C-alpha atoms as a PDB file:
ATOM      1  CA  MET A   1      34.403  86.605  46.179  1.00  0.00           C
ATOM      2  CA  LEU A   2      38.031  85.858  47.040  1.00  0.00           C
ATOM      3  CA  ASP A   3      40.621  88.578  46.669  1.00  0.00           C
ATOM      4  CA  HIS A   4      43.657  87.303  44.750  1.00  0.00           C
ATOM      5  CA  SER A   5      45.360  90.680  44.483  1.00  0.00           C
ATOM      6  CA  ASN A   6      47.916  89.864  47.184  1.00  0.00           C
ATOM      7  CA  GLU A   7      48.886  86.494  45.818  1.00  0.00           C
ATOM      8  CA  PRO A   8      52.386  86.294  44.309  1.00  0.00           C
ATOM      9  CA  PRO A   9      52.476  85.957  40.511  1.00  0.00           C
ATOM     10  CA  ARG A  10      52.729  82.415  39.278  1.00  0.00           C
ATOM     11  CA  ARG A  11      56.005  81.532  37.618  1.00  0.00           C
ATOM     12  CA  SER A  12      55.926  79.889  34.259  1.00  0.00           C
ATOM     13  CA  ARG A  13      57.311  76.376  34.227  1.00  0.00           C
ATOM     14  CA  ARG A  14      60.850  76.212  32.946  1.00  0.00           C
ATOM     15  CA  GLY A  15      62.681  73.244  31.530  1.00  0.00           C
ATOM     16  CA  ILE A  16      64.714  71.980  28.634  1.00  0.00           C
ATOM     17  CA  TYR A  17      63.711  70.096  25.517  1.00  0.00           C
ATOM     18  CA  ILE A  18      64.890  66.517  25.702  1.00  0.00           C
ATOM     19  CA  LEU A  19      65.118  65.390  22.079  1.00  0.00           C
ATOM     20  CA  PRO A  20      67.597  67.888  20.557  1.00  0.00           C
ATOM     21  CA  ASN A  21      69.698  67.981  23.711  1.00  0.00           C
ATOM     22  CA  LEU A  22      70.021  64.201  23.655  1.00  0.00           C
ATOM     23  CA  PHE A  23      71.824  64.504  20.324  1.00  0.00           C
ATOM     24  CA  THR A  24      73.997  67.320  21.690  1.00  0.00           C
ATOM     25  CA  THR A  25      74.886  65.156  24.685  1.00  0.00           C
ATOM     26  CA  ALA A  26      75.730  62.289  22.324  1.00  0.00           C
ATOM     27  CA  SER A  27      78.060  64.611  20.421  1.00  0.00           C
ATOM     28  CA  LEU A  28      79.731  65.662  23.672  1.00  0.00           C
ATOM     29  CA  PHE A  29      80.056  62.036  24.771  1.00  0.00           C
ATOM     30  CA  ALA A  30      81.667  61.083  21.445  1.00  0.00           C
ATOM     31  CA  GLY A  31      84.208  63.897  21.802  1.00  0.00           C
ATOM     32  CA  PHE A  32      85.090  62.848  25.341  1.00  0.00           C
ATOM     33  CA  TYR A  33      85.294  59.206  24.278  1.00  0.00           C
ATOM     34  CA  ALA A  34      87.710  60.205  21.498  1.00  0.00           C
ATOM     35  CA  ILE A  35      90.031  61.829  24.037  1.00  0.00           C
ATOM     36  CA  VAL A  36      89.972  58.713  26.226  1.00  0.00           C
ATOM     37  CA  GLN A  37      90.723  56.455  23.255  1.00  0.00           C
ATOM     38  CA  ALA A  38      93.657  58.646  22.178  1.00  0.00           C
ATOM     39  CA  MET A  39      95.097  58.495  25.684  1.00  0.00           C
ATOM     40  CA  ASN A  40      94.952  54.694  25.441  1.00  0.00           C
ATOM     41  CA  GLY A  41      96.484  54.602  21.966  1.00  0.00           C
ATOM     42  CA  GLY A  42      93.228  53.855  20.148  1.00  0.00           C
ATOM     43  CA  PHE A  43      93.654  56.536  17.489  1.00  0.00           C
ATOM     44  CA  GLU A  44      91.380  54.840  14.943  1.00  0.00           C
ATOM     45  CA  TYR A  45      88.535  54.710  17.465  1.00  0.00           C
ATOM     46  CA  ALA A  46      89.253  58.334  18.364  1.00  0.00           C
ATOM     47  CA  ALA A  47      88.872  59.438  14.747  1.00  0.00           C
ATOM     48  CA  VAL A  48      85.637  57.472  14.323  1.00  0.00           C
ATOM     49  CA  ALA A  49      84.255  59.035  17.499  1.00  0.00           C
ATOM     50  CA  ILE A  50      84.921  62.558  16.198  1.00  0.00           C
ATOM     51  CA  PHE A  51      83.087  61.800  12.949  1.00  0.00           C
ATOM     52  CA  ILE A  52      80.176  60.381  14.955  1.00  0.00           C
ATOM     53  CA  ALA A  53      80.176  63.612  16.974  1.00  0.00           C
ATOM     54  CA  MET A  54      79.834  65.524  13.691  1.00  0.00           C
ATOM     55  CA  ILE A  55      76.767  63.505  12.743  1.00  0.00           C
ATOM     56  CA  MET A  56      75.170  64.115  16.138  1.00  0.00           C
ATOM     57  CA  ASP A  57      76.036  67.826  15.941  1.00  0.00           C
ATOM     58  CA  GLY A  58      74.464  68.091  12.512  1.00  0.00           C
ATOM     59  CA  LEU A  59      71.278  66.417  13.689  1.00  0.00           C
ATOM     60  CA  ASP A  60      70.594  68.309  16.926  1.00  0.00           C
ATOM     61  CA  GLY A  61      69.995  71.688  15.304  1.00  0.00           C
ATOM     62  CA  ARG A  62      67.892  70.279  12.488  1.00  0.00           C
ATOM     63  CA  ILE A  63      65.773  68.253  14.877  1.00  0.00           C
ATOM     64  CA  ALA A  64      65.256  71.342  17.046  1.00  0.00           C
ATOM     65  CA  ARG A  65      64.058  73.304  14.000  1.00  0.00           C
ATOM     66  CA  TRP A  66      61.872  70.505  12.646  1.00  0.00           C
ATOM     67  CA  THR A  67      60.208  69.941  16.032  1.00  0.00           C
ATOM     68  CA  HIS A  68      60.124  73.663  16.967  1.00  0.00           C
ATOM     69  CA  THR A  69      62.159  73.011  20.132  1.00  0.00           C
ATOM     70  CA  GLN A  70      64.865  75.673  19.704  1.00  0.00           C
ATOM     71  CA  SER A  71      65.971  77.334  22.923  1.00  0.00           C
ATOM     72  CA  ASP A  72      68.748  79.539  24.281  1.00  0.00           C
ATOM     73  CA  PHE A  73      69.802  76.673  26.523  1.00  0.00           C
ATOM     74  CA  GLY A  74      70.151  74.359  23.530  1.00  0.00           C
ATOM     75  CA  ALA A  75      72.223  76.910  21.620  1.00  0.00           C
ATOM     76  CA  GLU A  76      74.632  77.414  24.538  1.00  0.00           C
ATOM     77  CA  PHE A  77      74.873  73.696  25.235  1.00  0.00           C
ATOM     78  CA  ASP A  78      75.610  73.059  21.563  1.00  0.00           C
ATOM     79  CA  SER A  79      78.457  75.599  21.578  1.00  0.00           C
ATOM     80  CA  LEU A  80      80.038  74.067  24.679  1.00  0.00           C
ATOM     81  CA  SER A  81      79.717  70.600  23.161  1.00  0.00           C
ATOM     82  CA  ASP A  82      81.344  71.830  19.928  1.00  0.00           C
ATOM     83  CA  MET A  83      84.248  73.298  21.880  1.00  0.00           C
ATOM     84  CA  VAL A  84      84.949  69.922  23.462  1.00  0.00           C
ATOM     85  CA  SER A  85      84.296  67.678  20.458  1.00  0.00           C
ATOM     86  CA  PHE A  86      85.776  69.875  17.711  1.00  0.00           C
ATOM     87  CA  GLY A  87      88.229  72.023  19.646  1.00  0.00           C
ATOM     88  CA  LEU A  88      89.783  70.309  22.638  1.00  0.00           C
ATOM     89  CA  ALA A  89      89.400  66.711  21.470  1.00  0.00           C
ATOM     90  CA  PRO A  90      91.127  67.082  18.045  1.00  0.00           C
ATOM     91  CA  ALA A  91      93.866  69.225  19.595  1.00  0.00           C
ATOM     92  CA  LEU A  92      94.630  66.683  22.324  1.00  0.00           C
ATOM     93  CA  ILE A  93      94.396  63.749  19.913  1.00  0.00           C
ATOM     94  CA  MET A  94      96.813  65.353  17.456  1.00  0.00           C
ATOM     95  CA  TYR A  95      99.186  66.146  20.307  1.00  0.00           C
ATOM     96  CA  GLN A  96      99.044  62.595  21.624  1.00  0.00           C
ATOM     97  CA  TRP A  97      99.468  61.103  18.145  1.00  0.00           C
ATOM     98  CA  ALA A  98     102.135  63.302  16.545  1.00  0.00           C
ATOM     99  CA  LEU A  99     102.742  66.757  18.006  1.00  0.00           C
ATOM    100  CA  SER A 100     104.144  65.529  21.324  1.00  0.00           C
ATOM    101  CA  GLY A 101     107.304  64.600  19.441  1.00  0.00           C
ATOM    102  CA  LEU A 102     107.965  68.291  18.787  1.00  0.00           C
ATOM    103  CA  GLY A 103     108.272  69.225  22.444  1.00  0.00           C
ATOM    104  CA  LYS A 104     107.097  72.690  23.433  1.00  0.00           C
ATOM    105  CA  LEU A 105     106.232  73.616  19.851  1.00  0.00           C
ATOM    106  CA  GLY A 106     103.919  70.624  19.658  1.00  0.00           C
ATOM    107  CA  TRP A 107     101.708  71.504  22.600  1.00  0.00           C
ATOM    108  CA  LEU A 108     101.674  75.161  21.574  1.00  0.00           C
ATOM    109  CA  VAL A 109     100.339  74.195  18.139  1.00  0.00           C
ATOM    110  CA  ALA A 110      97.743  71.942  19.784  1.00  0.00           C
ATOM    111  CA  PHE A 111      96.684  74.862  21.970  1.00  0.00           C
ATOM    112  CA  LEU A 112      96.549  77.094  18.885  1.00  0.00           C
ATOM    113  CA  PHE A 113      93.995  74.748  17.335  1.00  0.00           C
ATOM    114  CA  ALA A 114      91.884  74.646  20.510  1.00  0.00           C
ATOM    115  CA  ALA A 115      92.003  78.443  20.891  1.00  0.00           C
ATOM    116  CA  ALA A 116      91.103  78.953  17.225  1.00  0.00           C
ATOM    117  CA  ALA A 117      88.081  76.689  17.625  1.00  0.00           C
ATOM    118  CA  GLY A 118      86.933  78.697  20.659  1.00  0.00           C
ATOM    119  CA  LEU A 119      87.355  81.989  18.822  1.00  0.00           C
ATOM    120  CA  ARG A 120      85.563  80.607  15.765  1.00  0.00           C
ATOM    121  CA  LEU A 121      82.579  79.484  17.871  1.00  0.00           C
ATOM    122  CA  ALA A 122      82.437  82.786  19.765  1.00  0.00           C
ATOM    123  CA  ARG A 123      82.457  84.772  16.517  1.00  0.00           C
ATOM    124  CA  PHE A 124      79.759  82.570  15.039  1.00  0.00           C
ATOM    125  CA  ASN A 125      77.519  83.037  18.084  1.00  0.00           C
ATOM    126  CA  THR A 126      77.920  86.818  18.191  1.00  0.00           C
ATOM    127  CA  GLN A 127      77.384  87.262  14.449  1.00  0.00           C
ATOM    128  CA  ALA A 128      74.440  84.890  14.071  1.00  0.00           C
ATOM    129  CA  GLY A 129      71.784  86.535  11.915  1.00  0.00           C
ATOM    130  CA  GLN A 130      74.121  89.374  10.853  1.00  0.00           C
ATOM    131  CA  VAL A 131      75.954  87.677   7.970  1.00  0.00           C
ATOM    132  CA  ASP A 132      74.954  85.941   4.746  1.00  0.00           C
ATOM    133  CA  SER A 133      73.645  82.534   5.795  1.00  0.00           C
ATOM    134  CA  HIS A 134      74.740  81.040   2.466  1.00  0.00           C
ATOM    135  CA  TYR A 135      78.358  81.205   3.659  1.00  0.00           C
ATOM    136  CA  PHE A 136      80.421  80.641   6.799  1.00  0.00           C
ATOM    137  CA  ARG A 137      83.107  83.132   7.753  1.00  0.00           C
ATOM    138  CA  GLY A 138      86.098  80.932   8.346  1.00  0.00           C
ATOM    139  CA  LEU A 139      86.268  77.147   8.267  1.00  0.00           C
ATOM    140  CA  PRO A 140      83.618  75.679  10.622  1.00  0.00           C
ATOM    141  CA  SER A 141      85.118  73.909  13.630  1.00  0.00           C
ATOM    142  CA  PRO A 142      83.548  70.507  12.742  1.00  0.00           C
ATOM    143  CA  ALA A 143      85.131  70.701   9.277  1.00  0.00           C
ATOM    144  CA  ALA A 144      88.499  71.667  10.793  1.00  0.00           C
ATOM    145  CA  ALA A 145      88.234  68.703  13.147  1.00  0.00           C
ATOM    146  CA  GLY A 146      87.308  66.461  10.215  1.00  0.00           C
ATOM    147  CA  LEU A 147      90.365  67.649   8.303  1.00  0.00           C
ATOM    148  CA  VAL A 148      92.927  66.860  11.012  1.00  0.00           C
ATOM    149  CA  MET A 149      91.175  63.686  12.172  1.00  0.00           C
ATOM    150  CA  GLY A 150      90.841  62.464   8.594  1.00  0.00           C
ATOM    151  CA  PHE A 151      94.559  63.040   8.046  1.00  0.00           C
ATOM    152  CA  MET A 152      95.417  61.165  11.240  1.00  0.00           C
ATOM    153  CA  TRP A 153      93.077  58.289  10.362  1.00  0.00           C
ATOM    154  CA  VAL A 154      94.576  57.865   6.895  1.00  0.00           C
ATOM    155  CA  MET A 155      98.146  57.908   8.157  1.00  0.00           C
ATOM    156  CA  HIS A 156      97.288  55.529  10.982  1.00  0.00           C
ATOM    157  CA  SER A 157      95.589  53.134   8.536  1.00  0.00           C
ATOM    158  CA  TYR A 158      98.848  53.012   6.556  1.00  0.00           C
ATOM    159  CA  GLY A 159     100.768  52.177   9.725  1.00  0.00           C
ATOM    160  CA  LEU A 160     102.703  55.457   9.840  1.00  0.00           C
ATOM    161  CA  PRO A 161     103.549  56.530  13.413  1.00  0.00           C
ATOM    162  CA  GLY A 162     102.527  60.100  14.048  1.00  0.00           C
ATOM    163  CA  ARG A 163     105.875  61.161  15.455  1.00  0.00           C
ATOM    164  CA  GLU A 164     107.602  60.246  12.189  1.00  0.00           C
ATOM    165  CA  ILE A 165     105.446  62.750  10.274  1.00  0.00           C
ATOM    166  CA  SER A 166     105.049  65.295  13.065  1.00  0.00           C
ATOM    167  CA  ILE A 167     106.012  68.214  10.798  1.00  0.00           C
ATOM    168  CA  VAL A 168     103.296  67.311   8.298  1.00  0.00           C
ATOM    169  CA  ALA A 169     100.820  66.952  11.150  1.00  0.00           C
ATOM    170  CA  LEU A 170     101.871  70.376  12.393  1.00  0.00           C
ATOM    171  CA  VAL A 171     101.223  71.912   8.958  1.00  0.00           C
ATOM    172  CA  PHE A 172      97.713  70.426   8.792  1.00  0.00           C
ATOM    173  CA  THR A 173      96.926  71.559  12.335  1.00  0.00           C
ATOM    174  CA  VAL A 174      98.146  75.115  11.741  1.00  0.00           C
ATOM    175  CA  PHE A 175      96.272  75.314   8.434  1.00  0.00           C
ATOM    176  CA  ALA A 176      93.035  74.191  10.090  1.00  0.00           C
ATOM    177  CA  ALA A 177      93.495  76.670  12.941  1.00  0.00           C
ATOM    178  CA  ALA A 178      94.305  79.567  10.598  1.00  0.00           C
ATOM    179  CA  THR A 179      91.325  78.972   8.334  1.00  0.00           C
ATOM    180  CA  MET A 180      88.970  78.774  11.314  1.00  0.00           C
ATOM    181  CA  VAL A 181      89.804  82.308  12.465  1.00  0.00           C
ATOM    182  CA  SER A 182      90.114  83.728   8.953  1.00  0.00           C
ATOM    183  CA  THR A 183      87.398  85.654   7.140  1.00  0.00           C
ATOM    184  CA  ILE A 184      87.509  83.328   4.135  1.00  0.00           C
ATOM    185  CA  ARG A 185      84.031  82.338   3.019  1.00  0.00           C
ATOM    186  CA  TYR A 186      82.913  78.711   2.890  1.00  0.00           C
ATOM    187  CA  HIS A 187      79.616  77.395   1.554  1.00  0.00           C
ATOM    188  CA  SER A 188      77.218  76.610   4.403  1.00  0.00           C
ATOM    189  CA  PHE A 189      74.779  74.396   2.421  1.00  0.00           C
ATOM    190  CA  LYS A 190      72.053  75.677   4.738  1.00  0.00           C
ATOM    191  CA  HIS A 191      69.691  76.575   1.927  1.00  0.00           C
ATOM    192  CA  ILE A 192      69.321  73.063   0.581  1.00  0.00           C
ATOM    193  CA  ASN A 193      65.623  72.220   0.655  1.00  0.00           C
ATOM    194  CA  TRP A 194      65.510  68.664   1.962  1.00  0.00           C
ATOM    195  CA  LYS A 195      61.737  68.475   1.429  1.00  0.00           C
ATOM    196  CA  SER A 196      61.728  69.349  -2.267  1.00  0.00           C
ATOM    197  CA  ARG A 197      61.655  66.847  -5.115  1.00  0.00           C
ATOM    198  CA  VAL A 198      64.998  66.076  -6.759  1.00  0.00           C
ATOM    199  CA  PRO A 199      65.959  64.273  -9.976  1.00  0.00           C
ATOM    200  CA  PHE A 200      66.678  60.561  -9.831  1.00  0.00           C
ATOM    201  CA  VAL A 201      70.334  61.269 -10.584  1.00  0.00           C
ATOM    202  CA  ALA A 202      70.646  63.198  -7.300  1.00  0.00           C
ATOM    203  CA  VAL A 203      69.446  60.167  -5.337  1.00  0.00           C
ATOM    204  CA  LEU A 204      71.905  57.989  -7.247  1.00  0.00           C
ATOM    205  CA  ALA A 205      74.711  60.424  -6.372  1.00  0.00           C
ATOM    206  CA  VAL A 206      73.880  60.157  -2.670  1.00  0.00           C
ATOM    207  CA  VAL A 207      73.974  56.361  -2.918  1.00  0.00           C
ATOM    208  CA  MET A 208      77.368  56.539  -4.641  1.00  0.00           C
ATOM    209  CA  VAL A 209      78.720  58.724  -1.829  1.00  0.00           C
ATOM    210  CA  PHE A 210      77.697  56.112   0.737  1.00  0.00           C
ATOM    211  CA  VAL A 211      79.277  53.385  -1.380  1.00  0.00           C
ATOM    212  CA  LEU A 212      82.561  55.277  -1.699  1.00  0.00           C
ATOM    213  CA  VAL A 213      82.718  56.013   2.015  1.00  0.00           C
ATOM    214  CA  SER A 214      82.052  52.344   2.765  1.00  0.00           C
ATOM    215  CA  ILE A 215      84.888  51.217   0.487  1.00  0.00           C
ATOM    216  CA  ASP A 216      87.585  53.204   2.309  1.00  0.00           C
ATOM    217  CA  PRO A 217      86.208  55.504   5.048  1.00  0.00           C
ATOM    218  CA  PRO A 218      89.550  57.112   6.083  1.00  0.00           C
ATOM    219  CA  GLN A 219      90.617  58.156   2.591  1.00  0.00           C
ATOM    220  CA  VAL A 220      87.192  59.232   1.337  1.00  0.00           C
ATOM    221  CA  LEU A 221      86.340  61.276   4.435  1.00  0.00           C
ATOM    222  CA  PHE A 222      89.771  62.888   4.467  1.00  0.00           C
ATOM    223  CA  LEU A 223      89.442  63.766   0.781  1.00  0.00           C
ATOM    224  CA  ILE A 224      86.006  65.321   1.349  1.00  0.00           C
ATOM    225  CA  PHE A 225      87.199  67.555   4.189  1.00  0.00           C
ATOM    226  CA  LEU A 226      90.463  68.378   2.412  1.00  0.00           C
ATOM    227  CA  VAL A 227      88.570  69.575  -0.671  1.00  0.00           C
ATOM    228  CA  TYR A 228      86.181  71.593   1.488  1.00  0.00           C
ATOM    229  CA  GLY A 229      89.047  73.070   3.510  1.00  0.00           C
ATOM    230  CA  LEU A 230      90.890  74.138   0.365  1.00  0.00           C
ATOM    231  CA  SER A 231      87.758  75.426  -1.389  1.00  0.00           C
ATOM    232  CA  GLY A 232      87.715  78.627   0.663  1.00  0.00           C
ATOM    233  CA  PRO A 233      91.310  79.748   0.000  1.00  0.00           C
ATOM    234  CA  VAL A 234      91.055  78.722  -3.664  1.00  0.00           C
ATOM    235  CA  ARG A 235      87.844  80.715  -4.087  1.00  0.00           C
ATOM    236  CA  ALA A 236      89.418  83.722  -2.338  1.00  0.00           C
ATOM    237  CA  ALA A 237      92.541  83.492  -4.538  1.00  0.00           C
ATOM    238  CA  LEU A 238      90.442  83.322  -7.715  1.00  0.00           C
ATOM    239  CA  ALA A 239      88.363  86.313  -6.615  1.00  0.00           C
ATOM    240  CA  LEU A 240      91.543  88.299  -5.901  1.00  0.00           C
ATOM    241  CA  TYR A 241      92.965  87.340  -9.293  1.00  0.00           C
ATOM    242  CA  ARG A 242      89.787  88.479 -11.062  1.00  0.00           C
ATOM    243  CA  ARG A 243      89.849  91.807  -9.245  1.00  0.00           C
ATOM    244  CA  MET A 244      93.486  92.394 -10.153  1.00  0.00           C
ATOM    245  CA  ALA A 245      92.838  91.366 -13.777  1.00  0.00           C
ATOM    246  CA  GLY A 246      89.850  93.713 -13.904  1.00  0.00           C
ATOM    247  CA  ARG A 247      91.933  96.630 -12.674  1.00  0.00           C
ATOM    248  CA  ARG A 248      94.655  95.997 -15.243  1.00  0.00           C
ATOM    249  CA  SER A 249      92.146  95.792 -18.075  1.00  0.00           C
ATOM    250  CA  SER A 250      90.211  98.917 -17.025  1.00  0.00           C
ATOM    251  CA  PRO A 251      90.828 102.196 -18.937  1.00  0.00           C
ATOM    252  CA  GLY A 252      92.567 103.720 -15.938  1.00  0.00           C
ATOM    253  CA  GLY A 253      94.671 100.646 -15.281  1.00  0.00           C
ATOM    254  CA  HIS A 254      98.331 100.091 -16.015  1.00  0.00           C
ATOM    255  CA  GLY A 255      97.883  97.285 -18.531  1.00  0.00           C
ATOM    256  CA  LEU A 256     100.051  97.166 -21.639  1.00  0.00           C
END
């Protein structure tokens, strides 16, 4: 009988799952491609690339869960990809398109957006599993990128040079950065059961969304992300108003 007691322990084979990381890589590629297009003046292509990156980013996590291929490597790779595609890329594109006309203030605002995206991603990673999964704390970085890129795409489609509306672009960029690092709650839509049966009207609504986006992609996409970006502050303002109204109407309040 052979004695195997002195043999070194066998190491388990390590590797990465290909399928979900292919989508993450596609998202990263789209973000990098957007930066290149902005440097060459192709701002419409840059905006489209960012929206494609959002689709790829939304698919990689779901595919990993559906195929049971989640991993720590995939989670870290996804965060780094998000930082490039939804942090650095939108910041550099906005600077190249409009903010560069503001001099030092312009690149500082662009950096503010990039830094806010990094902080938002870091907070999300450290608080994963500790907060209500029905809501995001702060505007998600893909939605913030969609807001500023949608604005740029709409203005570019109307033929408005970015430097002529640089102040408006600055306001949108600062708003997106501020909401990312805020504690305002936004619906996550994570608890939608995609496998359950839905009424026929719901399917018709999805078809109508695709039709509307096809009619005028810049305006429809910008409107969607603008409504979502404003939904958090509006909800917070309404909640604050209700609390203040409740205090005034309580017996110990100072109502008339």
